[in-house]
Amino acid sequence: MKVFISVDMEGIAGIAHGRQVSRGSDDYPESRRLMTEEANAAVAGSFEGGASSVVVNDSHGDMYNLLQEALDARAELTLGSPKVPLSMMQGLGPEFGVALFVGYHAAAGTEAAVLDHTYSGRTLHDVRVNGESFSEAELNAAVAGTFGVPVGLVTGDDKICEVAFKRLPGVRTVAVKEGYGAAVARSLHPSAARAAIREGAAAAVGGASDLEPFRPPGPYRFEVDLMRSGMADLCFLVPGSRRTGPRTLLFETEDFLEGFRCLLAWMYLASNDS
């Protein structure tokens, strides 16, 4: 079985503050190491659970954070940005048996969630699908669902684990920290977190045949509330977009992946508003 692992940074054990996840800060090199070690735990667990191969997608920020020389040599790494058209899920296809999400965080606006945002904290205030706010985990799980791939594991803070457990059929979760605020957490020791992730990954891969993909029913209404009205000016350039408010855009489609690509286009265009 081929296993796809998407690894973000905000949900890694030992990380709570924005400086820790920002390139150029003195804390960032240690965060890269912590991220890489949790990726390694998921890779090791995947092989213990029966994986034949593992692809790891670096899914944080500029998407070249993982230390490849320190990454488990059995895994392949997808790195660099911009990753189009699937971003945090770049390289996923129907040949994979299960996807694992490591180091994930809650959606923008989630109370007491560590470093909460949805894809771009600088541009996207809220992302909704059919009227419901979606986290990155839900968006990415729905992308996987279009290929018939289920999500077997989500790790991160307690807030995203709670959402994933409720929304994703049969998913296992590993909460490596409890969020007390946007930049405050009580965390497991990194070694304890890695042990739990390794065990969870092995169980998720071993039980992948019993999982169902996450497939929200269509048709789909993708909506975003942007941070500033100038961002909406630029995003309105995307064909098919409708402006429903000063900072709000709507895109309607029968195809989830088309809506997801529109969301990414909005995000990249909005980033050009100075």
Protein backbone atom coordinates (compact mmCIF):
# COMPACT_ATOMS: atom_id res chain seq x y z
CA MET A 1 0.00 0.00 0.00
CA LYS A 2 1.23 3.48 -0.90
CA VAL A 3 0.90 6.02 1.92
CA PHE A 4 0.72 9.80 1.52
CA ILE A 5 1.78 11.96 4.49
CA SER A 6 1.10 15.71 4.56
CA VAL A 7 3.15 17.44 7.27
CA ASP A 8 2.46 20.92 8.59
CA MET A 9 4.33 22.69 11.41
CA GLU A 10 1.86 24.53 13.67
CA GLY A 11 0.53 21.27 15.13
CA ILE A 12 3.93 19.81 16.05
CA ALA A 13 4.65 19.05 19.73
CA GLY A 14 6.74 21.76 21.39
CA ILE A 15 5.50 24.51 19.04
CA ALA A 16 3.07 27.23 20.15
CA HIS A 17 4.33 30.67 19.08
CA GLY A 18 4.42 32.29 15.67
CA ARG A 19 8.16 32.93 15.92
CA GLN A 20 8.75 29.20 16.04
CA VAL A 21 7.16 28.65 12.62
CA SER A 22 8.60 31.70 10.86
CA ARG A 23 11.63 31.41 8.59
CA GLY A 24 14.40 33.74 9.75
CA SER A 25 13.68 33.57 13.47
CA ASP A 26 16.23 32.05 15.83
CA ASP A 27 13.63 29.44 16.90
CA TYR A 28 12.90 28.22 13.38
CA PRO A 29 15.80 25.75 12.89
CA GLU A 30 14.71 23.78 15.97
CA SER A 31 11.13 23.73 14.70
CA ARG A 32 12.33 22.24 11.41
CA ARG A 33 14.01 19.47 13.38
CA LEU A 34 10.90 18.81 15.47
CA MET A 35 8.79 18.71 12.32
CA THR A 36 11.17 16.29 10.62
CA GLU A 37 11.19 13.95 13.60
CA GLU A 38 7.38 13.79 13.73
CA ALA A 39 7.37 13.07 9.99
CA ASN A 40 9.84 10.25 10.69
CA ALA A 41 7.55 8.83 13.36
CA ALA A 42 4.67 8.74 10.88
CA VAL A 43 6.88 7.15 8.21
CA ALA A 44 8.15 4.46 10.59
CA GLY A 45 4.62 3.71 11.78
CA SER A 46 3.39 3.52 8.20
CA PHE A 47 5.92 0.83 7.31
CA GLU A 48 5.14 -1.04 10.50
CA GLY A 49 1.47 -0.95 9.47
CA GLY A 50 2.19 -2.50 6.07
CA ALA A 51 3.09 0.38 3.73
CA SER A 52 4.97 -0.57 0.57
CA SER A 53 6.07 3.03 -0.05
CA VAL A 54 5.62 6.45 1.56
CA VAL A 55 5.57 9.92 0.05
CA VAL A 56 5.89 12.88 2.42
CA ASN A 57 4.61 16.29 1.31
CA ASP A 58 6.13 19.29 3.09
CA SER A 59 2.98 21.35 3.72
CA HIS A 60 4.07 24.34 5.80
CA GLY A 61 4.55 27.88 4.54
CA ASP A 62 7.03 27.91 1.67
CA MET A 63 6.98 24.11 1.77
CA TYR A 64 10.70 23.44 2.02
CA ASN A 65 11.07 23.03 5.76
CA LEU A 66 11.74 19.33 6.30
CA LEU A 67 15.40 18.35 6.63
CA GLN A 68 15.74 15.80 3.86
CA GLU A 69 19.06 14.38 5.03
CA ALA A 70 17.46 13.68 8.43
CA LEU A 71 14.24 12.26 6.94
CA ASP A 72 13.70 8.49 7.02
CA ALA A 73 15.53 7.23 3.93
CA ARG A 74 12.64 4.96 2.99
CA ALA A 75 10.39 7.95 2.26
CA GLU A 76 10.29 10.23 -0.76
CA LEU A 77 9.81 13.97 -0.18
CA THR A 78 7.80 16.50 -2.18
CA LEU A 79 9.07 20.01 -1.42
CA GLY A 80 9.02 23.55 -2.80
CA SER A 81 6.31 26.03 -3.74
CA PRO A 82 3.97 27.04 -5.19
CA LYS A 83 2.57 23.52 -5.40
CA VAL A 84 -0.23 23.62 -7.94
CA PRO A 85 -2.89 22.42 -8.29
CA LEU A 86 -3.11 20.53 -4.95
CA SER A 87 -0.82 22.44 -2.54
CA MET A 88 -0.67 20.50 0.74
CA MET A 89 -1.90 17.42 -1.15
CA GLN A 90 0.42 17.77 -4.16
CA GLY A 91 1.25 14.41 -5.71
CA LEU A 92 -1.76 12.57 -4.29
CA GLY A 93 -3.62 10.24 -6.64
CA PRO A 94 -5.85 7.17 -6.68
CA GLU A 95 -2.82 4.89 -6.38
CA PHE A 96 -2.51 5.76 -2.67
CA GLY A 97 -4.30 3.65 -0.09
CA VAL A 98 -4.46 6.17 2.75
CA ALA A 99 -3.42 9.71 3.69
CA LEU A 100 -2.02 10.82 7.05
CA PHE A 101 -2.01 14.43 8.29
CA VAL A 102 0.76 15.32 10.76
CA GLY A 103 1.28 18.61 12.59
CA TYR A 104 -2.10 20.04 11.63
CA HIS A 105 -3.92 22.95 13.29
CA ALA A 106 -7.48 24.26 13.62
CA ALA A 107 -9.32 26.61 11.27
CA ALA A 108 -9.06 30.38 11.50
CA GLY A 109 -11.14 31.74 14.35
CA THR A 110 -11.15 28.58 16.48
CA GLU A 111 -11.13 29.52 20.15
CA ALA A 112 -8.07 28.45 22.18
CA ALA A 113 -6.49 26.76 19.15
CA VAL A 114 -2.74 26.95 18.60
CA LEU A 115 -1.74 29.16 15.63
CA ASP A 116 -5.19 28.80 14.05
CA HIS A 117 -5.58 29.78 10.39
CA THR A 118 -6.87 28.32 7.14
CA TYR A 119 -4.25 28.04 4.39
CA SER A 120 -3.17 31.68 4.64
CA GLY A 121 -3.41 33.56 7.91
CA ARG A 122 -2.46 36.79 6.17
CA THR A 123 -5.22 36.74 3.57
CA LEU A 124 -8.07 34.34 4.45
CA HIS A 125 -10.29 35.22 7.41
CA ASP A 126 -12.70 32.30 6.83
CA VAL A 127 -13.18 29.54 4.26
CA ARG A 128 -16.61 27.95 3.87
CA VAL A 129 -17.90 25.05 1.81
CA ASN A 130 -21.68 24.88 1.50
CA GLY A 131 -22.00 27.33 4.36
CA GLU A 132 -19.73 25.49 6.82
CA SER A 133 -16.31 26.75 7.89
CA PHE A 134 -13.66 24.25 6.80
CA SER A 135 -10.23 23.67 8.30
CA GLU A 136 -7.22 22.65 6.23
CA ALA A 137 -7.76 19.08 7.43
CA GLU A 138 -11.32 19.04 6.06
CA LEU A 139 -10.38 20.70 2.78
CA ASN A 140 -7.45 18.35 2.25
CA ALA A 141 -9.49 15.30 3.25
CA ALA A 142 -12.13 16.27 0.69
CA VAL A 143 -9.39 16.62 -1.95
CA ALA A 144 -8.21 13.11 -1.05
CA GLY A 145 -11.81 11.93 -1.26
CA THR A 146 -12.04 12.96 -4.91
CA PHE A 147 -9.37 10.32 -5.58
CA GLY A 148 -11.07 7.76 -3.35
CA VAL A 149 -8.34 8.05 -0.71
CA PRO A 150 -9.38 8.05 2.98
CA VAL A 151 -7.62 9.91 5.78
CA GLY A 152 -6.43 7.52 8.47
CA LEU A 153 -4.66 9.81 10.96
CA VAL A 154 -4.68 13.46 12.03
CA THR A 155 -2.17 14.77 14.58
CA GLY A 156 -1.94 18.25 16.09
CA ASP A 157 -3.52 20.16 18.93
CA ASP A 158 -6.67 19.01 20.70
CA LYS A 159 -8.91 21.40 18.74
CA ILE A 160 -8.13 20.04 15.27
CA CYS A 161 -8.23 16.47 16.59
CA GLU A 162 -11.74 17.08 17.90
CA VAL A 163 -12.87 18.43 14.51
CA ALA A 164 -11.26 15.57 12.60
CA PHE A 165 -12.78 12.91 14.85
CA LYS A 166 -16.26 14.34 14.28
CA ARG A 167 -15.94 14.96 10.54
CA LEU A 168 -13.69 12.30 9.01
CA PRO A 169 -15.09 8.75 8.99
CA GLY A 170 -13.03 6.33 11.07
CA VAL A 171 -10.03 8.63 11.46
CA ARG A 172 -7.57 8.16 14.31
CA THR A 173 -6.25 11.24 16.06
CA VAL A 174 -3.20 12.02 18.18
CA ALA A 175 -3.41 15.23 20.20
CA VAL A 176 0.19 16.19 20.96
CA LYS A 177 -0.76 19.38 22.83
CA GLU A 178 -3.69 21.21 24.38
CA GLY A 179 -4.32 24.72 23.14
CA TYR A 180 -4.81 27.44 25.73
CA GLY A 181 -4.74 30.25 23.19
CA ALA A 182 -3.46 31.22 19.77
CA ALA A 183 0.14 31.19 21.01
CA VAL A 184 -0.09 29.12 24.21
CA ALA A 185 -0.15 25.34 24.62
CA ARG A 186 0.56 22.53 27.05
CA SER A 187 2.55 20.03 25.02
CA LEU A 188 3.65 16.46 25.31
CA HIS A 189 7.39 15.94 25.33
CA PRO A 190 8.45 15.55 21.68
CA SER A 191 9.62 11.97 22.26
CA ALA A 192 6.23 11.03 23.77
CA ALA A 193 4.44 12.69 20.86
CA ARG A 194 6.54 10.77 18.34
CA ALA A 195 5.82 7.45 20.04
CA ALA A 196 2.08 8.16 19.91
CA ILE A 197 2.25 9.26 16.26
CA ARG A 198 4.21 6.15 15.29
CA GLU A 199 1.63 3.93 16.99
CA GLY A 200 -1.26 5.86 15.43
CA ALA A 201 0.25 5.70 11.95
CA ALA A 202 0.79 1.95 12.19
CA ALA A 203 -2.82 1.44 13.27
CA ALA A 204 -4.15 3.79 10.57
CA VAL A 205 -2.26 2.09 7.75
CA GLY A 206 -3.03 -1.37 9.08
CA GLY A 207 -6.74 -0.54 9.20
CA ALA A 208 -6.92 1.52 6.00
CA SER A 209 -9.10 -1.02 4.21
CA ASP A 210 -11.89 -0.30 6.70
CA LEU A 211 -11.87 3.47 6.10
CA GLU A 212 -14.21 5.51 3.93
CA PRO A 213 -13.09 8.60 1.99
CA PHE A 214 -14.45 12.00 3.05
CA ARG A 215 -16.79 13.12 0.26
CA PRO A 216 -18.97 16.11 1.13
CA PRO A 217 -22.07 16.09 -1.09
CA GLY A 218 -22.18 18.54 -4.01
CA PRO A 219 -22.88 20.86 -5.65
CA TYR A 220 -20.30 23.05 -3.92
CA ARG A 221 -20.40 26.68 -2.82
CA PHE A 222 -16.87 27.85 -1.97
CA GLU A 223 -16.82 31.13 -0.06
CA VAL A 224 -14.01 33.17 1.45
CA ASP A 225 -13.95 36.18 3.71
CA LEU A 226 -10.72 38.03 2.99
CA MET A 227 -8.80 40.27 5.35
CA ARG A 228 -9.17 43.44 3.25
CA SER A 229 -11.46 44.67 0.50
CA GLY A 230 -8.47 45.28 -1.77
CA MET A 231 -7.80 41.56 -1.72
CA ALA A 232 -11.34 40.94 -2.92
CA ASP A 233 -10.73 43.39 -5.79
CA LEU A 234 -7.92 41.14 -7.03
CA CYS A 235 -9.67 37.82 -6.34
CA PHE A 236 -12.70 38.92 -8.35
CA LEU A 237 -10.47 38.47 -11.43
CA VAL A 238 -10.89 34.67 -11.16
CA PRO A 239 -13.46 33.63 -13.80
CA GLY A 240 -16.71 32.47 -12.23
CA SER A 241 -16.15 34.36 -8.98
CA ARG A 242 -19.02 36.38 -7.55
CA ARG A 243 -18.48 39.18 -5.06
CA THR A 244 -21.16 38.93 -2.38
CA GLY A 245 -19.72 41.47 0.07
CA PRO A 246 -16.85 43.95 0.44
CA ARG A 247 -14.46 41.15 1.48
CA THR A 248 -16.47 38.06 0.46
CA LEU A 249 -16.28 35.96 -2.71
CA LEU A 250 -18.33 32.99 -3.90
CA PHE A 251 -17.61 30.28 -6.45
CA GLU A 252 -20.14 27.57 -7.33
CA THR A 253 -19.25 24.27 -8.99
CA GLU A 254 -20.18 20.61 -9.30
CA ASP A 255 -16.50 19.64 -9.03
CA PHE A 256 -14.80 19.90 -5.63
CA LEU A 257 -11.31 20.06 -7.16
CA GLU A 258 -12.37 22.98 -9.36
CA GLY A 259 -13.56 24.83 -6.27
CA PHE A 260 -10.34 24.00 -4.44
CA ARG A 261 -8.25 25.33 -7.32
CA CYS A 262 -10.32 28.54 -7.22
CA LEU A 263 -9.60 28.83 -3.49
CA LEU A 264 -5.85 28.56 -4.16
CA ALA A 265 -6.11 31.16 -6.92
CA TRP A 266 -7.90 33.54 -4.55
CA MET A 267 -5.20 33.00 -1.95
CA TYR A 268 -2.32 33.70 -4.34
CA LEU A 269 -4.02 36.75 -5.84
CA ALA A 270 -4.87 38.16 -2.40
CA SER A 271 -1.24 37.91 -1.36
CA ASN A 272 -0.43 40.61 -3.95
CA ASP A 273 -2.54 43.25 -2.20
CA SER A 274 -0.05 45.52 -0.48
